[in-house]
Amino acid sequence: MSKLIKRGDFENALQIAESIPDKVIRAKSMSMVTVEMAKQGRDYHDALNQTIEAIFEIENDESITKALMSLAFEFLGLGKPDEALKIAGLIRDISNRSKIQAEVALALAREGKIQEAFKIINDILDEDVKTWATSKLASELKH
């Protein structure tokens, strides 16, 4: 599959990933293809939707949360905070969703988008994470 990705043959790479019987490995493989598509500037939106569907086929809530968090952090690392935030919205666990929201807010603040960052922080439901994000934001604004 990695050879297909290197060649830019994402369609076949995604088909192979979708055919993997183990649901966790399938979701991870599809995530890998989707993220690589985004890295290379390809249209990844259909692949992302398919990946999210595959993640929700996993039968363990903790594994679903980990897969969604991993995917969200990948998109945040690619400079796609909106995608990271959308993925975070799918995480049922409030604490873990809040952690992604906080990281997105801090990334936006570093780009000078302070109002947007504050709005996201205000939407955080986990009070401990909200407090941490607010203090982190305040300390970053001092620098």
C-alpha atoms as a PDB file:
ATOM      1  CA  MET A   1       0.000   0.000   0.000  1.00  0.00           C
ATOM      2  CA  SER A   2       2.822   2.429   0.784  1.00  0.00           C
ATOM      3  CA  LYS A   3       4.185   1.960  -2.756  1.00  0.00           C
ATOM      4  CA  LEU A   4       0.805   2.990  -4.143  1.00  0.00           C
ATOM      5  CA  ILE A   5       0.781   6.050  -1.887  1.00  0.00           C
ATOM      6  CA  LYS A   6       4.310   7.020  -2.962  1.00  0.00           C
ATOM      7  CA  ARG A   7       3.205   6.763  -6.604  1.00  0.00           C
ATOM      8  CA  GLY A   8       0.156   8.892  -5.837  1.00  0.00           C
ATOM      9  CA  ASP A   9      -2.239   6.045  -6.639  1.00  0.00           C
ATOM     10  CA  PHE A  10      -4.579   6.938  -3.805  1.00  0.00           C
ATOM     11  CA  GLU A  11      -7.660   5.337  -5.336  1.00  0.00           C
ATOM     12  CA  ASN A  12      -6.114   1.859  -5.284  1.00  0.00           C
ATOM     13  CA  ALA A  13      -4.453   2.471  -1.905  1.00  0.00           C
ATOM     14  CA  LEU A  14      -7.832   3.404  -0.434  1.00  0.00           C
ATOM     15  CA  GLN A  15      -9.505   0.350  -2.011  1.00  0.00           C
ATOM     16  CA  ILE A  16      -6.882  -1.939  -0.501  1.00  0.00           C
ATOM     17  CA  ALA A  17      -7.230  -0.239   2.887  1.00  0.00           C
ATOM     18  CA  GLU A  18     -11.022  -0.640   2.745  1.00  0.00           C
ATOM     19  CA  SER A  19     -10.656  -4.367   2.114  1.00  0.00           C
ATOM     20  CA  ILE A  20      -8.680  -5.024   5.317  1.00  0.00           C
ATOM     21  CA  PRO A  21     -10.839  -7.266   7.540  1.00  0.00           C
ATOM     22  CA  ASP A  22      -9.582  -5.986  10.922  1.00  0.00           C
ATOM     23  CA  LYS A  23     -11.622  -2.835  11.595  1.00  0.00           C
ATOM     24  CA  VAL A  24      -8.933  -1.033  13.610  1.00  0.00           C
ATOM     25  CA  ILE A  25      -6.190  -1.703  11.051  1.00  0.00           C
ATOM     26  CA  ARG A  26      -8.602  -0.760   8.234  1.00  0.00           C
ATOM     27  CA  ALA A  27      -9.363   2.590   9.884  1.00  0.00           C
ATOM     28  CA  LYS A  28      -5.664   3.303  10.538  1.00  0.00           C
ATOM     29  CA  SER A  29      -4.745   2.433   6.956  1.00  0.00           C
ATOM     30  CA  MET A  30      -7.519   4.587   5.533  1.00  0.00           C
ATOM     31  CA  SER A  31      -6.444   7.441   7.818  1.00  0.00           C
ATOM     32  CA  MET A  32      -2.896   7.117   6.522  1.00  0.00           C
ATOM     33  CA  VAL A  33      -4.070   7.342   2.896  1.00  0.00           C
ATOM     34  CA  THR A  34      -6.381  10.284   3.632  1.00  0.00           C
ATOM     35  CA  VAL A  35      -3.691  12.250   5.463  1.00  0.00           C
ATOM     36  CA  GLU A  36      -1.192  11.618   2.673  1.00  0.00           C
ATOM     37  CA  MET A  37      -3.742  12.858   0.125  1.00  0.00           C
ATOM     38  CA  ALA A  38      -4.142  16.057   2.155  1.00  0.00           C
ATOM     39  CA  LYS A  39      -0.356  16.441   2.438  1.00  0.00           C
ATOM     40  CA  GLN A  40       0.006  16.239  -1.323  1.00  0.00           C
ATOM     41  CA  GLY A  41      -2.748  18.759  -1.939  1.00  0.00           C
ATOM     42  CA  ARG A  42      -5.176  16.218  -3.393  1.00  0.00           C
ATOM     43  CA  ASP A  43      -8.928  16.334  -2.841  1.00  0.00           C
ATOM     44  CA  TYR A  44      -9.216  14.223   0.292  1.00  0.00           C
ATOM     45  CA  HIS A  45     -12.785  15.041   1.353  1.00  0.00           C
ATOM     46  CA  ASP A  46     -14.466  11.839   0.093  1.00  0.00           C
ATOM     47  CA  ALA A  47     -11.617   9.774   1.511  1.00  0.00           C
ATOM     48  CA  LEU A  48     -11.980  11.574   4.853  1.00  0.00           C
ATOM     49  CA  ASN A  49     -15.695  10.780   4.979  1.00  0.00           C
ATOM     50  CA  GLN A  50     -14.984   7.126   4.167  1.00  0.00           C
ATOM     51  CA  THR A  51     -12.266   7.067   6.828  1.00  0.00           C
ATOM     52  CA  ILE A  52     -14.601   8.484   9.453  1.00  0.00           C
ATOM     53  CA  GLU A  53     -17.225   5.870   8.536  1.00  0.00           C
ATOM     54  CA  ALA A  54     -14.571   3.161   8.916  1.00  0.00           C
ATOM     55  CA  ILE A  55     -13.554   4.543  12.308  1.00  0.00           C
ATOM     56  CA  PHE A  56     -17.144   4.356  13.549  1.00  0.00           C
ATOM     57  CA  GLU A  57     -17.317   0.698  12.478  1.00  0.00           C
ATOM     58  CA  ILE A  58     -14.772  -0.082  15.215  1.00  0.00           C
ATOM     59  CA  GLU A  59     -16.624  -1.734  18.073  1.00  0.00           C
ATOM     60  CA  ASN A  60     -14.606  -0.265  20.955  1.00  0.00           C
ATOM     61  CA  ASP A  61     -15.377   3.323  22.028  1.00  0.00           C
ATOM     62  CA  GLU A  62     -11.837   3.901  23.288  1.00  0.00           C
ATOM     63  CA  SER A  63     -10.382   2.807  19.943  1.00  0.00           C
ATOM     64  CA  ILE A  64     -12.826   5.079  18.100  1.00  0.00           C
ATOM     65  CA  THR A  65     -11.747   8.011  20.272  1.00  0.00           C
ATOM     66  CA  LYS A  66      -8.044   7.281  19.718  1.00  0.00           C
ATOM     67  CA  ALA A  67      -8.521   6.983  15.952  1.00  0.00           C
ATOM     68  CA  LEU A  68     -10.484  10.247  15.743  1.00  0.00           C
ATOM     69  CA  MET A  69      -7.971  12.075  17.948  1.00  0.00           C
ATOM     70  CA  SER A  70      -5.077  10.811  15.872  1.00  0.00           C
ATOM     71  CA  LEU A  71      -6.788  11.907  12.657  1.00  0.00           C
ATOM     72  CA  ALA A  72      -7.643  15.318  14.120  1.00  0.00           C
ATOM     73  CA  PHE A  73      -4.050  15.884  15.267  1.00  0.00           C
ATOM     74  CA  GLU A  74      -2.766  14.867  11.816  1.00  0.00           C
ATOM     75  CA  PHE A  75      -4.968  17.491  10.147  1.00  0.00           C
ATOM     76  CA  LEU A  76      -3.995  20.091  12.737  1.00  0.00           C
ATOM     77  CA  GLY A  77      -0.345  19.311  11.991  1.00  0.00           C
ATOM     78  CA  LEU A  78      -1.049  19.881   8.300  1.00  0.00           C
ATOM     79  CA  GLY A  79      -2.343  23.366   9.071  1.00  0.00           C
ATOM     80  CA  LYS A  80      -5.992  22.383   8.630  1.00  0.00           C
ATOM     81  CA  PRO A  81      -7.552  23.457  11.939  1.00  0.00           C
ATOM     82  CA  ASP A  82     -11.101  23.487  10.525  1.00  0.00           C
ATOM     83  CA  GLU A  83     -10.851  19.795   9.627  1.00  0.00           C
ATOM     84  CA  ALA A  84      -9.345  19.022  13.043  1.00  0.00           C
ATOM     85  CA  LEU A  85     -12.226  20.831  14.733  1.00  0.00           C
ATOM     86  CA  LYS A  86     -14.841  19.002  12.634  1.00  0.00           C
ATOM     87  CA  ILE A  87     -13.265  15.659  13.547  1.00  0.00           C
ATOM     88  CA  ALA A  88     -13.078  16.705  17.215  1.00  0.00           C
ATOM     89  CA  GLY A  89     -16.822  17.349  17.110  1.00  0.00           C
ATOM     90  CA  LEU A  90     -17.332  13.639  16.409  1.00  0.00           C
ATOM     91  CA  ILE A  91     -15.507  12.567  19.586  1.00  0.00           C
ATOM     92  CA  ARG A  92     -18.059  11.541  22.222  1.00  0.00           C
ATOM     93  CA  ASP A  93     -15.611  11.707  25.132  1.00  0.00           C
ATOM     94  CA  ILE A  94     -15.797  15.312  26.339  1.00  0.00           C
ATOM     95  CA  SER A  95     -12.303  15.402  27.842  1.00  0.00           C
ATOM     96  CA  ASN A  96     -10.607  14.147  24.674  1.00  0.00           C
ATOM     97  CA  ARG A  97     -12.763  16.348  22.414  1.00  0.00           C
ATOM     98  CA  SER A  98     -11.811  19.298  24.607  1.00  0.00           C
ATOM     99  CA  LYS A  99      -8.101  18.516  24.250  1.00  0.00           C
ATOM    100  CA  ILE A 100      -8.336  18.722  20.460  1.00  0.00           C
ATOM    101  CA  GLN A 101     -10.367  21.932  20.662  1.00  0.00           C
ATOM    102  CA  ALA A 102      -7.738  23.450  22.960  1.00  0.00           C
ATOM    103  CA  GLU A 103      -4.879  22.544  20.623  1.00  0.00           C
ATOM    104  CA  VAL A 104      -6.779  23.956  17.638  1.00  0.00           C
ATOM    105  CA  ALA A 105      -7.435  27.177  19.554  1.00  0.00           C
ATOM    106  CA  LEU A 106      -3.757  27.528  20.483  1.00  0.00           C
ATOM    107  CA  ALA A 107      -2.688  26.857  16.884  1.00  0.00           C
ATOM    108  CA  LEU A 108      -5.068  29.572  15.670  1.00  0.00           C
ATOM    109  CA  ALA A 109      -3.786  31.984  18.325  1.00  0.00           C
ATOM    110  CA  ARG A 110      -0.214  31.395  17.100  1.00  0.00           C
ATOM    111  CA  GLU A 111      -1.456  32.453  13.645  1.00  0.00           C
ATOM    112  CA  GLY A 112      -2.828  35.655  15.175  1.00  0.00           C
ATOM    113  CA  LYS A 113      -6.463  34.530  15.070  1.00  0.00           C
ATOM    114  CA  ILE A 114      -7.105  35.427  18.703  1.00  0.00           C
ATOM    115  CA  GLN A 115     -10.878  35.989  18.480  1.00  0.00           C
ATOM    116  CA  GLU A 116     -11.376  32.626  16.783  1.00  0.00           C
ATOM    117  CA  ALA A 117      -9.186  30.979  19.427  1.00  0.00           C
ATOM    118  CA  PHE A 118     -11.211  32.492  22.278  1.00  0.00           C
ATOM    119  CA  LYS A 119     -14.472  31.378  20.666  1.00  0.00           C
ATOM    120  CA  ILE A 120     -13.220  27.782  20.483  1.00  0.00           C
ATOM    121  CA  ILE A 121     -11.943  27.894  24.064  1.00  0.00           C
ATOM    122  CA  ASN A 122     -15.329  29.178  25.235  1.00  0.00           C
ATOM    123  CA  ASP A 123     -16.974  26.159  23.556  1.00  0.00           C
ATOM    124  CA  ILE A 124     -14.783  23.693  25.481  1.00  0.00           C
ATOM    125  CA  LEU A 125     -16.953  21.676  27.878  1.00  0.00           C
ATOM    126  CA  ASP A 126     -14.199  20.185  30.075  1.00  0.00           C
ATOM    127  CA  GLU A 127     -13.503  22.920  32.646  1.00  0.00           C
ATOM    128  CA  ASP A 128      -9.980  21.674  33.449  1.00  0.00           C
ATOM    129  CA  VAL A 129      -8.999  21.723  29.771  1.00  0.00           C
ATOM    130  CA  LYS A 130     -10.678  25.119  29.307  1.00  0.00           C
ATOM    131  CA  THR A 131      -8.684  26.544  32.236  1.00  0.00           C
ATOM    132  CA  TRP A 132      -5.446  25.067  30.866  1.00  0.00           C
ATOM    133  CA  ALA A 133      -6.121  26.399  27.350  1.00  0.00           C
ATOM    134  CA  THR A 134      -6.998  29.862  28.665  1.00  0.00           C
ATOM    135  CA  SER A 135      -3.825  30.134  30.740  1.00  0.00           C
ATOM    136  CA  LYS A 136      -1.707  28.757  27.884  1.00  0.00           C
ATOM    137  CA  LEU A 137      -3.270  31.282  25.519  1.00  0.00           C
ATOM    138  CA  ALA A 138      -2.627  34.096  27.988  1.00  0.00           C
ATOM    139  CA  SER A 139       1.031  33.103  28.361  1.00  0.00           C
ATOM    140  CA  GLU A 140       1.458  32.901  24.572  1.00  0.00           C
ATOM    141  CA  LEU A 141      -0.061  36.353  24.137  1.00  0.00           C
ATOM    142  CA  LYS A 142       2.576  37.773  26.504  1.00  0.00           C
ATOM    143  CA  HIS A 143       5.389  36.635  24.175  1.00  0.00           C
END
